[in-house]
Amino acid sequence: MPRKRIIITNFIIVIYFILIWLIDFFKIDLVIIGVLKEILTIPFLLAQLVFLVLGIKYVLNNQRDFLALLSVILLAVCTLLSVGSFFW
């Protein structure tokens, strides 16, 4: 059961940040989207770090789980891009 939770949560976090990027790329300016973005971004940033650590621990213990490995790699790339964007 923790496998499904980790994979689903990792993909949800990655999809959230992809949607944020798409909203900024296409310059969609709706009030409700701005409110949701402001409310959810900091918790998702924190969850990103927590689930990256949990995912790495899980993948190290279960090395043959391809989907978990893929979700952790995508989350790691997403984390590098989102945290790195603070310094660019």
N, C-alpha and C. Protein backbone atom coordinates (compact mmCIF):
# COMPACT_ATOMS: atom_id res chain seq x y z
N MET A 1 0.81 -1.22 0.00
CA MET A 1 0.00 0.00 0.00
C MET A 1 0.84 1.28 0.00
N PRO A 2 1.98 1.33 0.69
CA PRO A 2 2.76 2.58 0.63
C PRO A 2 3.28 2.85 -0.79
N ARG A 3 3.46 1.80 -1.59
CA ARG A 3 3.93 1.98 -2.96
C ARG A 3 2.96 2.85 -3.75
N LYS A 4 1.69 2.52 -3.69
CA LYS A 4 0.68 3.28 -4.43
C LYS A 4 0.62 4.72 -3.95
N ARG A 5 0.67 4.91 -2.65
CA ARG A 5 0.58 6.27 -2.09
C ARG A 5 1.75 7.12 -2.52
N ILE A 6 2.94 6.55 -2.48
CA ILE A 6 4.13 7.31 -2.88
C ILE A 6 4.06 7.66 -4.36
N ILE A 7 3.72 6.71 -5.19
CA ILE A 7 3.68 6.96 -6.64
C ILE A 7 2.61 7.98 -6.99
N ILE A 8 1.42 7.81 -6.44
CA ILE A 8 0.32 8.74 -6.74
C ILE A 8 0.64 10.14 -6.26
N THR A 9 1.17 10.24 -5.04
CA THR A 9 1.51 11.56 -4.50
C THR A 9 2.61 12.23 -5.31
N ASN A 10 3.62 11.47 -5.70
CA ASN A 10 4.69 12.04 -6.51
C ASN A 10 4.15 12.58 -7.83
N PHE A 11 3.29 11.81 -8.48
CA PHE A 11 2.74 12.27 -9.76
C PHE A 11 1.81 13.48 -9.57
N ILE A 12 1.07 13.52 -8.48
CA ILE A 12 0.20 14.69 -8.23
C ILE A 12 1.03 15.95 -8.04
N ILE A 13 2.13 15.84 -7.31
CA ILE A 13 3.00 17.00 -7.08
C ILE A 13 3.62 17.46 -8.40
N VAL A 14 4.09 16.53 -9.20
CA VAL A 14 4.69 16.89 -10.49
C VAL A 14 3.65 17.53 -11.40
N ILE A 15 2.46 16.97 -11.45
CA ILE A 15 1.39 17.53 -12.30
C ILE A 15 1.01 18.93 -11.83
N TYR A 16 0.97 19.15 -10.51
CA TYR A 16 0.64 20.48 -10.00
C TYR A 16 1.65 21.52 -10.51
N PHE A 17 2.93 21.21 -10.41
CA PHE A 17 3.94 22.18 -10.84
C PHE A 17 3.97 22.33 -12.36
N ILE A 18 3.64 21.30 -13.10
CA ILE A 18 3.52 21.43 -14.55
C ILE A 18 2.35 22.35 -14.89
N LEU A 19 1.23 22.19 -14.19
CA LEU A 19 0.08 23.06 -14.42
C LEU A 19 0.41 24.52 -14.08
N ILE A 20 1.14 24.74 -12.99
CA ILE A 20 1.55 26.11 -12.63
C ILE A 20 2.41 26.70 -13.74
N TRP A 21 3.33 25.90 -14.27
CA TRP A 21 4.19 26.38 -15.34
C TRP A 21 3.35 26.70 -16.59
N LEU A 22 2.40 25.81 -16.93
CA LEU A 22 1.56 26.06 -18.10
C LEU A 22 0.70 27.31 -17.94
N ILE A 23 0.19 27.52 -16.73
CA ILE A 23 -0.61 28.72 -16.47
C ILE A 23 0.23 29.98 -16.67
N ASP A 24 1.46 29.95 -16.19
CA ASP A 24 2.34 31.11 -16.38
C ASP A 24 2.79 31.25 -17.83
N PHE A 25 3.03 30.12 -18.50
CA PHE A 25 3.49 30.15 -19.89
C PHE A 25 2.43 30.74 -20.81
N PHE A 26 1.18 30.33 -20.61
CA PHE A 26 0.09 30.83 -21.45
C PHE A 26 -0.55 32.10 -20.89
N LYS A 27 -0.01 32.61 -19.80
CA LYS A 27 -0.46 33.87 -19.18
C LYS A 27 -1.96 33.86 -18.90
N ILE A 28 -2.42 32.78 -18.30
CA ILE A 28 -3.83 32.67 -17.90
C ILE A 28 -3.98 33.44 -16.59
N ASP A 29 -4.83 34.43 -16.60
CA ASP A 29 -4.96 35.31 -15.43
C ASP A 29 -6.41 35.31 -14.93
N LEU A 30 -6.75 34.30 -14.16
CA LEU A 30 -8.06 34.24 -13.53
C LEU A 30 -7.87 34.35 -12.02
N VAL A 31 -8.79 35.01 -11.37
CA VAL A 31 -8.66 35.25 -9.94
C VAL A 31 -8.65 33.94 -9.15
N ILE A 32 -9.54 33.01 -9.48
CA ILE A 32 -9.62 31.76 -8.72
C ILE A 32 -8.35 30.94 -8.88
N ILE A 33 -7.74 30.97 -10.06
CA ILE A 33 -6.49 30.24 -10.26
C ILE A 33 -5.37 30.89 -9.44
N GLY A 34 -5.35 32.20 -9.40
CA GLY A 34 -4.35 32.90 -8.59
C GLY A 34 -4.49 32.60 -7.11
N VAL A 35 -5.73 32.56 -6.64
CA VAL A 35 -5.97 32.25 -5.23
C VAL A 35 -5.52 30.83 -4.90
N LEU A 36 -5.92 29.88 -5.74
CA LEU A 36 -5.52 28.49 -5.51
C LEU A 36 -4.01 28.32 -5.60
N LYS A 37 -3.38 29.03 -6.51
CA LYS A 37 -1.93 28.97 -6.66
C LYS A 37 -1.24 29.48 -5.39
N GLU A 38 -1.73 30.58 -4.86
CA GLU A 38 -1.14 31.14 -3.64
C GLU A 38 -1.36 30.24 -2.43
N ILE A 39 -2.51 29.62 -2.35
CA ILE A 39 -2.81 28.77 -1.20
C ILE A 39 -2.03 27.46 -1.24
N LEU A 40 -1.84 26.89 -2.42
CA LEU A 40 -1.29 25.54 -2.53
C LEU A 40 0.21 25.45 -2.79
N THR A 41 0.85 26.52 -3.23
CA THR A 41 2.24 26.40 -3.66
C THR A 41 3.18 26.07 -2.51
N ILE A 42 3.10 26.74 -1.40
CA ILE A 42 4.01 26.46 -0.29
C ILE A 42 3.81 25.06 0.28
N PRO A 43 2.58 24.59 0.52
CA PRO A 43 2.44 23.20 0.96
C PRO A 43 2.97 22.19 -0.05
N PHE A 44 2.79 22.46 -1.34
CA PHE A 44 3.32 21.54 -2.35
C PHE A 44 4.84 21.58 -2.40
N LEU A 45 5.45 22.74 -2.16
CA LEU A 45 6.91 22.80 -2.11
C LEU A 45 7.45 21.98 -0.95
N LEU A 46 6.80 22.07 0.20
CA LEU A 46 7.22 21.28 1.35
C LEU A 46 6.97 19.79 1.11
N ALA A 47 5.83 19.46 0.54
CA ALA A 47 5.52 18.06 0.24
C ALA A 47 6.49 17.49 -0.78
N GLN A 48 6.94 18.34 -1.68
CA GLN A 48 7.89 17.91 -2.68
C GLN A 48 9.17 17.39 -2.03
N LEU A 49 9.68 18.12 -1.07
CA LEU A 49 10.90 17.71 -0.39
C LEU A 49 10.69 16.45 0.45
N VAL A 50 9.57 16.41 1.17
CA VAL A 50 9.28 15.27 2.03
C VAL A 50 9.12 14.00 1.21
N PHE A 51 8.34 14.07 0.15
CA PHE A 51 8.09 12.87 -0.65
C PHE A 51 9.28 12.49 -1.51
N LEU A 52 10.16 13.43 -1.79
CA LEU A 52 11.40 13.08 -2.48
C LEU A 52 12.27 12.20 -1.57
N VAL A 53 12.38 12.58 -0.31
CA VAL A 53 13.15 11.78 0.64
C VAL A 53 12.49 10.41 0.85
N LEU A 54 11.18 10.40 1.06
CA LEU A 54 10.47 9.13 1.24
C LEU A 54 10.57 8.25 -0.01
N GLY A 55 10.47 8.85 -1.17
CA GLY A 55 10.57 8.10 -2.41
C GLY A 55 11.95 7.51 -2.63
N ILE A 56 12.99 8.28 -2.30
CA ILE A 56 14.35 7.77 -2.44
C ILE A 56 14.57 6.59 -1.50
N LYS A 57 14.08 6.71 -0.26
CA LYS A 57 14.20 5.59 0.67
C LYS A 57 13.47 4.36 0.16
N TYR A 58 12.28 4.56 -0.39
CA TYR A 58 11.51 3.43 -0.91
C TYR A 58 12.21 2.78 -2.10
N VAL A 59 12.72 3.59 -3.01
CA VAL A 59 13.38 3.05 -4.21
C VAL A 59 14.66 2.31 -3.84
N LEU A 60 15.39 2.80 -2.85
CA LEU A 60 16.60 2.10 -2.43
C LEU A 60 16.29 0.73 -1.85
N ASN A 61 15.15 0.60 -1.19
CA ASN A 61 14.75 -0.70 -0.62
C ASN A 61 14.12 -1.62 -1.66
N ASN A 62 13.45 -1.05 -2.67
CA ASN A 62 12.75 -1.83 -3.69
C ASN A 62 13.25 -1.40 -5.06
N GLN A 63 14.41 -1.89 -5.45
CA GLN A 63 15.07 -1.39 -6.64
C GLN A 63 14.42 -1.85 -7.94
N ARG A 64 13.57 -2.83 -7.91
CA ARG A 64 12.98 -3.33 -9.16
C ARG A 64 11.65 -2.68 -9.49
N ASP A 65 11.23 -1.72 -8.72
CA ASP A 65 9.95 -1.07 -8.94
C ASP A 65 10.13 0.10 -9.91
N PHE A 66 9.86 -0.15 -11.21
CA PHE A 66 10.11 0.85 -12.25
C PHE A 66 9.24 2.08 -12.10
N LEU A 67 7.96 1.91 -11.80
CA LEU A 67 7.04 3.04 -11.71
C LEU A 67 7.42 3.95 -10.53
N ALA A 68 7.80 3.37 -9.43
CA ALA A 68 8.24 4.17 -8.28
C ALA A 68 9.52 4.93 -8.63
N LEU A 69 10.44 4.26 -9.30
CA LEU A 69 11.68 4.91 -9.71
C LEU A 69 11.40 6.07 -10.66
N LEU A 70 10.50 5.86 -11.62
CA LEU A 70 10.13 6.92 -12.55
C LEU A 70 9.51 8.11 -11.82
N SER A 71 8.62 7.84 -10.88
CA SER A 71 7.97 8.94 -10.15
C SER A 71 8.98 9.71 -9.30
N VAL A 72 9.96 9.01 -8.72
CA VAL A 72 10.97 9.69 -7.92
C VAL A 72 11.90 10.52 -8.81
N ILE A 73 12.25 10.01 -9.97
CA ILE A 73 13.10 10.77 -10.89
C ILE A 73 12.37 12.03 -11.37
N LEU A 74 11.11 11.89 -11.74
CA LEU A 74 10.33 13.06 -12.17
C LEU A 74 10.20 14.07 -11.04
N LEU A 75 9.98 13.58 -9.81
CA LEU A 75 9.87 14.48 -8.67
C LEU A 75 11.20 15.16 -8.39
N ALA A 76 12.31 14.46 -8.55
CA ALA A 76 13.62 15.06 -8.34
C ALA A 76 13.89 16.17 -9.36
N VAL A 77 13.54 15.93 -10.62
CA VAL A 77 13.72 16.95 -11.65
C VAL A 77 12.82 18.15 -11.36
N CYS A 78 11.60 17.87 -10.97
CA CYS A 78 10.66 18.94 -10.64
C CYS A 78 11.16 19.75 -9.43
N THR A 79 11.72 19.07 -8.44
CA THR A 79 12.26 19.74 -7.26
C THR A 79 13.44 20.62 -7.64
N LEU A 80 14.33 20.09 -8.46
CA LEU A 80 15.48 20.90 -8.89
C LEU A 80 15.04 22.14 -9.65
N LEU A 81 14.05 21.99 -10.52
CA LEU A 81 13.57 23.14 -11.29
C LEU A 81 12.83 24.15 -10.41
N SER A 82 11.99 23.67 -9.52
CA SER A 82 11.21 24.61 -8.71
C SER A 82 12.06 25.29 -7.65
N VAL A 83 12.95 24.55 -6.99
CA VAL A 83 13.83 25.19 -5.99
C VAL A 83 14.89 26.01 -6.69
N GLY A 84 15.37 25.52 -7.82
CA GLY A 84 16.35 26.28 -8.58
C GLY A 84 15.81 27.58 -9.14
N SER A 85 14.52 27.65 -9.36
CA SER A 85 13.92 28.88 -9.90
C SER A 85 14.01 30.03 -8.90
N PHE A 86 14.19 29.74 -7.62
CA PHE A 86 14.36 30.80 -6.64
C PHE A 86 15.71 31.50 -6.81
N PHE A 87 16.68 30.82 -7.39
CA PHE A 87 18.02 31.35 -7.49
C PHE A 87 18.37 31.84 -8.90
N TRP A 88 17.47 31.72 -9.87
CA TRP A 88 17.73 32.17 -11.23
C TRP A 88 17.35 33.59 -11.40
